[in-house]
PDB file of N, CA and C in Angstrom:
ATOM      1  N   MET A   1       0.609  -1.403   0.061  1.00  0.00           N
ATOM      2  CA  MET A   1      -0.044   0.000  -0.002  1.00  0.00           C
ATOM      3  C   MET A   1       0.933   1.261  -0.039  1.00  0.00           C
ATOM      4  N   LEU A   2       2.004   1.270   1.025  1.00  0.00           N
ATOM      5  CA  LEU A   2       2.808   2.499   1.029  1.00  0.00           C
ATOM      6  C   LEU A   2       3.564   2.659  -0.225  1.00  0.00           C
ATOM      7  N   LEU A   3       4.113   1.441  -0.967  1.00  0.00           N
ATOM      8  CA  LEU A   3       4.768   1.889  -2.267  1.00  0.00           C
ATOM      9  C   LEU A   3       3.830   2.266  -3.382  1.00  0.00           C
ATOM     10  N   LYS A   4       2.448   1.884  -3.394  1.00  0.00           N
ATOM     11  CA  LYS A   4       1.569   2.462  -4.433  1.00  0.00           C
ATOM     12  C   LYS A   4       1.593   3.858  -4.111  1.00  0.00           C
ATOM     13  N   VAL A   5       1.234   4.313  -2.891  1.00  0.00           N
ATOM     14  CA  VAL A   5       1.190   5.777  -2.568  1.00  0.00           C
ATOM     15  C   VAL A   5       2.462   6.516  -3.168  1.00  0.00           C
ATOM     16  N   LEU A   6       3.526   5.913  -2.650  1.00  0.00           N
ATOM     17  CA  LEU A   6       4.969   6.546  -2.967  1.00  0.00           C
ATOM     18  C   LEU A   6       5.322   6.795  -4.661  1.00  0.00           C
ATOM     19  N   GLN A   7       4.536   5.592  -5.342  1.00  0.00           N
ATOM     20  CA  GLN A   7       4.691   5.537  -6.689  1.00  0.00           C
ATOM     21  C   GLN A   7       3.778   6.792  -7.258  1.00  0.00           C
ATOM     22  N   ILE A   8       2.657   6.892  -6.741  1.00  0.00           N
ATOM     23  CA  ILE A   8       1.744   7.947  -7.096  1.00  0.00           C
ATOM     24  C   ILE A   8       2.252   9.347  -6.956  1.00  0.00           C
ATOM     25  N   VAL A   9       2.989   9.499  -5.787  1.00  0.00           N
ATOM     26  CA  VAL A   9       3.530  10.763  -5.429  1.00  0.00           C
ATOM     27  C   VAL A   9       4.606  11.311  -6.241  1.00  0.00           C
ATOM     28  N   GLN A  10       5.620  10.032  -6.654  1.00  0.00           N
ATOM     29  CA  GLN A  10       6.706  10.234  -7.416  1.00  0.00           C
ATOM     30  C   GLN A  10       6.194  10.566  -8.708  1.00  0.00           C
ATOM     31  N   MET A  11       5.134  10.073  -9.370  1.00  0.00           N
ATOM     32  CA  MET A  11       4.646  10.488 -10.616  1.00  0.00           C
ATOM     33  C   MET A  11       4.262  11.898 -10.627  1.00  0.00           C
ATOM     34  N   VAL A  12       3.499  12.409  -9.443  1.00  0.00           N
ATOM     35  CA  VAL A  12       3.289  13.797  -9.508  1.00  0.00           C
ATOM     36  C   VAL A  12       4.432  14.807  -9.387  1.00  0.00           C
ATOM     37  N   PHE A  13       5.398  14.363  -8.610  1.00  0.00           N
ATOM     38  CA  PHE A  13       6.568  15.113  -8.409  1.00  0.00           C
ATOM     39  C   PHE A  13       7.315  15.177  -9.979  1.00  0.00           C
ATOM     40  N   ALA A  14       7.171  14.097 -10.612  1.00  0.00           N
ATOM     41  CA  ALA A  14       7.737  13.864 -11.917  1.00  0.00           C
ATOM     42  C   ALA A  14       7.381  14.883 -13.010  1.00  0.00           C
ATOM     43  N   VAL A  15       5.956  14.999 -13.076  1.00  0.00           N
ATOM     44  CA  VAL A  15       5.298  15.935 -13.960  1.00  0.00           C
ATOM     45  C   VAL A  15       5.558  17.377 -13.392  1.00  0.00           C
ATOM     46  N   LEU A  16       5.448  17.749 -12.194  1.00  0.00           N
ATOM     47  CA  LEU A  16       5.607  19.050 -11.628  1.00  0.00           C
ATOM     48  C   LEU A  16       7.219  19.321 -11.816  1.00  0.00           C
ATOM     49  N   LEU A  17       8.367  18.422 -11.968  1.00  0.00           N
ATOM     50  CA  LEU A  17       9.502  18.892 -12.075  1.00  0.00           C
ATOM     51  C   LEU A  17       9.674  19.026 -13.645  1.00  0.00           C
ATOM     52  N   ILE A  18       9.020  18.414 -14.496  1.00  0.00           N
ATOM     53  CA  ILE A  18       9.119  18.725 -15.837  1.00  0.00           C
ATOM     54  C   ILE A  18       8.607  20.124 -16.240  1.00  0.00           C
ATOM     55  N   ILE A  19       7.422  20.280 -15.674  1.00  0.00           N
ATOM     56  CA  ILE A  19       6.926  21.499 -15.799  1.00  0.00           C
ATOM     57  C   ILE A  19       7.528  22.673 -15.589  1.00  0.00           C
ATOM     58  N   SER A  20       8.390  22.537 -14.146  1.00  0.00           N
ATOM     59  CA  SER A  20       9.204  23.639 -13.906  1.00  0.00           C
ATOM     60  C   SER A  20      10.389  23.977 -14.582  1.00  0.00           C
ATOM     61  N   ILE A  21      10.969  22.849 -15.283  1.00  0.00           N
ATOM     62  CA  ILE A  21      12.233  22.867 -15.999  1.00  0.00           C
ATOM     63  C   ILE A  21      11.722  23.647 -17.358  1.00  0.00           C
ATOM     64  N   LEU A  22      10.636  23.215 -17.937  1.00  0.00           N
ATOM     65  CA  LEU A  22      10.233  23.625 -19.103  1.00  0.00           C
ATOM     66  C   LEU A  22       9.879  25.179 -19.137  1.00  0.00           C
ATOM     67  N   LEU A  23       9.503  25.632 -17.964  1.00  0.00           N
ATOM     68  CA  LEU A  23       8.993  27.134 -17.759  1.00  0.00           C
ATOM     69  C   LEU A  23      10.392  27.796 -17.661  1.00  0.00           C
ATOM     70  N   GLN A  24      11.310  27.396 -17.227  1.00  0.00           N
ATOM     71  CA  GLN A  24      12.664  28.025 -17.158  1.00  0.00           C
ATOM     72  C   GLN A  24      13.187  28.483 -18.477  1.00  0.00           C
ATOM     73  N   GLN A  25      12.621  27.987 -19.472  1.00  0.00           N
ATOM     74  CA  GLN A  25      13.490  27.959 -21.062  1.00  0.00           C
ATOM     75  C   GLN A  25      13.633  29.617 -21.257  1.00  0.00           C
ATOM     76  N   LYS A  26      14.754  29.934 -21.683  1.00  0.00           N
ATOM     77  CA  LYS A  26      15.341  31.399 -22.177  1.00  0.00           C
ATOM     78  C   LYS A  26      15.157  31.324 -23.667  1.00  0.00           C
ATOM     79  N   GLY A  27      14.960  32.487 -24.099  1.00  0.00           N
ATOM     80  CA  GLY A  27      14.954  32.526 -25.506  1.00  0.00           C
ATOM     81  C   GLY A  27      13.595  32.430 -26.207  1.00  0.00           C
ATOM     82  N   SER A  28      13.495  32.369 -27.584  1.00  0.00           N
ATOM     83  CA  SER A  28      12.113  32.141 -28.404  1.00  0.00           C
ATOM     84  C   SER A  28      12.382  31.143 -29.358  1.00  0.00           C
ATOM     85  N   GLY A  29      11.412  30.521 -29.660  1.00  0.00           N
ATOM     86  CA  GLY A  29      11.383  29.325 -30.554  1.00  0.00           C
ATOM     87  C   GLY A  29      11.888  28.089 -30.328  1.00  0.00           C
ATOM     88  N   MET A  30      11.605  27.233 -31.050  1.00  0.00           N
ATOM     89  CA  MET A  30      12.241  25.750 -30.639  1.00  0.00           C
ATOM     90  C   MET A  30      13.558  25.626 -30.683  1.00  0.00           C
ATOM     91  N   GLY A  31      14.196  26.674 -31.676  1.00  0.00           N
ATOM     92  CA  GLY A  31      15.722  26.467 -31.727  1.00  0.00           C
ATOM     93  C   GLY A  31      16.273  26.960 -30.227  1.00  0.00           C
ATOM     94  N   ALA A  32      15.813  27.415 -29.735  1.00  0.00           N
ATOM     95  CA  ALA A  32      16.368  27.864 -28.151  1.00  0.00           C
ATOM     96  C   ALA A  32      16.572  26.694 -27.389  1.00  0.00           C
ATOM     97  N   GLY A  33      15.472  25.898 -27.577  1.00  0.00           N
ATOM     98  CA  GLY A  33      15.869  24.469 -26.719  1.00  0.00           C
ATOM     99  C   GLY A  33      16.914  23.580 -26.963  1.00  0.00           C
ATOM    100  N   PHE A  34      17.549  24.093 -28.328  1.00  0.00           N
ATOM    101  CA  PHE A  34      18.425  23.153 -28.937  1.00  0.00           C
ATOM    102  C   PHE A  34      19.717  23.680 -28.873  1.00  0.00           C
ATOM    103  N   GLY A  35      19.817  25.065 -28.411  1.00  0.00           N
ATOM    104  CA  GLY A  35      21.076  25.623 -28.377  1.00  0.00           C
ATOM    105  C   GLY A  35      21.295  26.778 -29.142  1.00  0.00           C
ATOM    106  N   ALA A  36      20.365  26.898 -29.913  1.00  0.00           N
ATOM    107  CA  ALA A  36      20.444  27.911 -31.085  1.00  0.00           C
ATOM    108  C   ALA A  36      20.076  29.285 -30.333  1.00  0.00           C
ATOM    109  N   GLY A  37      20.901  30.386 -30.504  1.00  0.00           N
ATOM    110  CA  GLY A  37      20.349  31.765 -29.798  1.00  0.00           C
ATOM    111  C   GLY A  37      21.648  32.673 -29.960  1.00  0.00           C
ATOM    112  N   ALA A  38      21.500  33.696 -29.289  1.00  0.00           N
ATOM    113  CA  ALA A  38      22.499  34.701 -29.545  1.00  0.00           C
ATOM    114  C   ALA A  38      23.714  34.602 -28.625  1.00  0.00           C
ATOM    115  N   GLY A  39      23.847  33.439 -27.790  1.00  0.00           N
ATOM    116  CA  GLY A  39      24.953  33.074 -26.942  1.00  0.00           C
ATOM    117  C   GLY A  39      24.653  33.205 -25.449  1.00  0.00           C
ATOM    118  N   PRO A  40      25.609  33.104 -24.591  1.00  0.00           N
ATOM    119  CA  PRO A  40      25.406  32.834 -23.360  1.00  0.00           C
ATOM    120  C   PRO A  40      25.007  34.373 -22.742  1.00  0.00           C
ATOM    121  N   ILE A  41      23.768  34.480 -21.797  1.00  0.00           N
ATOM    122  CA  ILE A  41      23.480  35.722 -21.291  1.00  0.00           C
ATOM    123  C   ILE A  41      23.331  35.504 -19.965  1.00  0.00           C
ATOM    124  N   VAL A  42      24.205  36.176 -19.202  1.00  0.00           N
ATOM    125  CA  VAL A  42      24.397  36.103 -17.582  1.00  0.00           C
ATOM    126  C   VAL A  42      23.537  37.182 -17.060  1.00  0.00           C
ATOM    127  N   SER A  43      22.343  36.635 -16.473  1.00  0.00           N
ATOM    128  CA  SER A  43      21.334  37.716 -15.529  1.00  0.00           C
ATOM    129  C   SER A  43      21.257  37.230 -14.203  1.00  0.00           C
ATOM    130  N   THR A  44      20.623  38.112 -13.280  1.00  0.00           N
ATOM    131  CA  THR A  44      20.403  37.663 -12.071  1.00  0.00           C
ATOM    132  C   THR A  44      18.798  37.260 -12.068  1.00  0.00           C
ATOM    133  N   ARG A  45      18.733  36.055 -11.382  1.00  0.00           N
ATOM    134  CA  ARG A  45      17.280  35.663 -11.080  1.00  0.00           C
ATOM    135  C   ARG A  45      16.486  36.549 -10.212  1.00  0.00           C
ATOM    136  N   ARG A  46      15.335  36.912 -10.696  1.00  0.00           N
ATOM    137  CA  ARG A  46      14.566  37.681  -9.930  1.00  0.00           C
ATOM    138  C   ARG A  46      13.038  37.378  -9.969  1.00  0.00           C
ATOM    139  N   GLY A  47      12.028  37.444  -9.091  1.00  0.00           N
ATOM    140  CA  GLY A  47      10.789  37.143  -9.024  1.00  0.00           C
ATOM    141  C   GLY A  47      10.385  35.824  -9.346  1.00  0.00           C
ATOM    142  N   VAL A  48       9.674  35.698 -10.519  1.00  0.00           N
ATOM    143  CA  VAL A  48       9.318  34.501 -10.860  1.00  0.00           C
ATOM    144  C   VAL A  48      10.305  33.472 -11.362  1.00  0.00           C
ATOM    145  N   ASP A  49      11.513  33.871 -11.900  1.00  0.00           N
ATOM    146  CA  ASP A  49      12.569  33.140 -12.455  1.00  0.00           C
ATOM    147  C   ASP A  49      13.462  32.493 -11.083  1.00  0.00           C
ATOM    148  N   LEU A  50      13.450  33.373  -9.896  1.00  0.00           N
ATOM    149  CA  LEU A  50      14.033  32.671  -8.812  1.00  0.00           C
ATOM    150  C   LEU A  50      13.077  31.855  -8.186  1.00  0.00           C
ATOM    151  N   PHE A  51      11.786  31.960  -8.003  1.00  0.00           N
ATOM    152  CA  PHE A  51      10.885  30.913  -7.609  1.00  0.00           C
ATOM    153  C   PHE A  51      10.867  29.528  -8.329  1.00  0.00           C
ATOM    154  N   LEU A  52      10.979  29.799  -9.662  1.00  0.00           N
ATOM    155  CA  LEU A  52      11.000  28.289 -10.440  1.00  0.00           C
ATOM    156  C   LEU A  52      12.382  27.795 -10.187  1.00  0.00           C
ATOM    157  N   TYR A  53      13.397  28.501 -10.031  1.00  0.00           N
ATOM    158  CA  TYR A  53      14.666  27.835  -9.893  1.00  0.00           C
ATOM    159  C   TYR A  53      15.030  27.152  -8.494  1.00  0.00           C
ATOM    160  N   LYS A  54      14.311  27.842  -7.524  1.00  0.00           N
ATOM    161  CA  LYS A  54      14.228  27.139  -6.068  1.00  0.00           C
ATOM    162  C   LYS A  54      13.234  25.954  -6.252  1.00  0.00           C
ATOM    163  N   ALA A  55      12.149  26.103  -7.043  1.00  0.00           N
ATOM    164  CA  ALA A  55      11.188  25.076  -6.905  1.00  0.00           C
ATOM    165  C   ALA A  55      11.637  23.914  -7.635  1.00  0.00           C
ATOM    166  N   THR A  56      12.383  23.982  -8.888  1.00  0.00           N
ATOM    167  CA  THR A  56      13.135  22.891  -9.575  1.00  0.00           C
ATOM    168  C   THR A  56      13.950  22.203  -8.672  1.00  0.00           C
ATOM    169  N   ILE A  57      14.779  22.903  -7.927  1.00  0.00           N
ATOM    170  CA  ILE A  57      15.763  22.248  -6.870  1.00  0.00           C
ATOM    171  C   ILE A  57      14.994  21.508  -5.879  1.00  0.00           C
ATOM    172  N   PHE A  58      13.936  21.989  -5.170  1.00  0.00           N
ATOM    173  CA  PHE A  58      13.044  21.355  -4.247  1.00  0.00           C
ATOM    174  C   PHE A  58      12.549  20.133  -4.853  1.00  0.00           C
ATOM    175  N   LEU A  59      11.811  20.353  -6.012  1.00  0.00           N
ATOM    176  CA  LEU A  59      11.165  19.102  -6.782  1.00  0.00           C
ATOM    177  C   LEU A  59      12.345  17.933  -7.130  1.00  0.00           C
ATOM    178  N   SER A  60      13.404  18.324  -7.557  1.00  0.00           N
ATOM    179  CA  SER A  60      14.019  17.474  -7.843  1.00  0.00           C
ATOM    180  C   SER A  60      14.759  16.667  -6.659  1.00  0.00           C
ATOM    181  N   VAL A  61      15.109  17.336  -5.481  1.00  0.00           N
ATOM    182  CA  VAL A  61      15.504  16.655  -4.076  1.00  0.00           C
ATOM    183  C   VAL A  61      14.297  15.581  -3.726  1.00  0.00           C
ATOM    184  N   VAL A  62      13.154  16.133  -3.747  1.00  0.00           N
ATOM    185  CA  VAL A  62      12.045  15.271  -3.337  1.00  0.00           C
ATOM    186  C   VAL A  62      12.004  14.243  -4.312  1.00  0.00           C
ATOM    187  N   PHE A  63      12.053  14.227  -5.673  1.00  0.00           N
ATOM    188  CA  PHE A  63      11.881  13.249  -6.599  1.00  0.00           C
ATOM    189  C   PHE A  63      12.964  12.030  -6.152  1.00  0.00           C
ATOM    190  N   PHE A  64      14.228  12.626  -6.238  1.00  0.00           N
ATOM    191  CA  PHE A  64      15.235  11.523  -5.872  1.00  0.00           C
ATOM    192  C   PHE A  64      15.256  11.066  -4.684  1.00  0.00           C
ATOM    193  N   ALA A  65      14.580  11.475  -3.479  1.00  0.00           N
ATOM    194  CA  ALA A  65      14.439  11.148  -2.215  1.00  0.00           C
ATOM    195  C   ALA A  65      13.432  10.001  -2.170  1.00  0.00           C
ATOM    196  N   ILE A  66      12.233  10.273  -3.055  1.00  0.00           N
ATOM    197  CA  ILE A  66      11.182   9.089  -2.729  1.00  0.00           C
ATOM    198  C   ILE A  66      11.877   8.107  -3.812  1.00  0.00           C
ATOM    199  N   GLY A  67      12.740   8.164  -4.870  1.00  0.00           N
ATOM    200  CA  GLY A  67      13.312   7.097  -5.502  1.00  0.00           C
ATOM    201  C   GLY A  67      14.025   6.174  -4.764  1.00  0.00           C
ATOM    202  N   ILE A  68      15.018   6.915  -3.613  1.00  0.00           N
ATOM    203  CA  ILE A  68      15.804   6.314  -2.944  1.00  0.00           C
ATOM    204  C   ILE A  68      15.115   5.492  -1.894  1.00  0.00           C
ATOM    205  N   SER A  69      14.028   5.975  -1.582  1.00  0.00           N
ATOM    206  CA  SER A  69      13.189   5.343  -0.349  1.00  0.00           C
ATOM    207  C   SER A  69      12.570   3.997  -1.322  1.00  0.00           C
ATOM    208  N   PHE A  70      12.235   4.180  -2.403  1.00  0.00           N
ATOM    209  CA  PHE A  70      11.798   2.780  -3.041  1.00  0.00           C
ATOM    210  C   PHE A  70      12.719   1.909  -2.981  1.00  0.00           C
ATOM    211  N   ILE A  71      13.914   2.254  -3.136  1.00  0.00           N
ATOM    212  CA  ILE A  71      15.209   1.055  -3.262  1.00  0.00           C
ATOM    213  C   ILE A  71      15.166   0.392  -1.893  1.00  0.00           C
ATOM    214  N   ILE A  72      14.904   1.281  -0.865  1.00  0.00           N
ATOM    215  CA  ILE A  72      15.059   1.076   0.638  1.00  0.00           C
ATOM    216  C   ILE A  72      13.897   0.004   0.989  1.00  0.00           C
ATOM    217  N   LEU A  73      12.794   0.384   0.581  1.00  0.00           N
ATOM    218  CA  LEU A  73      11.497  -0.310   0.944  1.00  0.00           C
ATOM    219  C   LEU A  73      11.185  -1.811   0.384  1.00  0.00           C
ATOM    220  N   GLN A  74      12.093  -1.885  -0.755  1.00  0.00           N
ATOM    221  CA  GLN A  74      11.805  -3.174  -1.683  1.00  0.00           C
ATOM    222  C   GLN A  74      12.906  -4.221  -1.256  1.00  0.00           C
TER     223      GLN A  74
END
């Protein structure tokens, strides 16, 4: 029962992690996703960018913690 709940929670975190990563995309168009663009742009994260950055770190840590707990519980 616990493994089923953890599996569902991990799927939810996986979807949220994918969304948070995709929302951080800089540039415009599909080419920006594959490296095409004006070059490296260094800027300070503020507002929503900072929130998405921290949310991505949090979601990835929780996602991997759930994965490790699967290994321990099996």
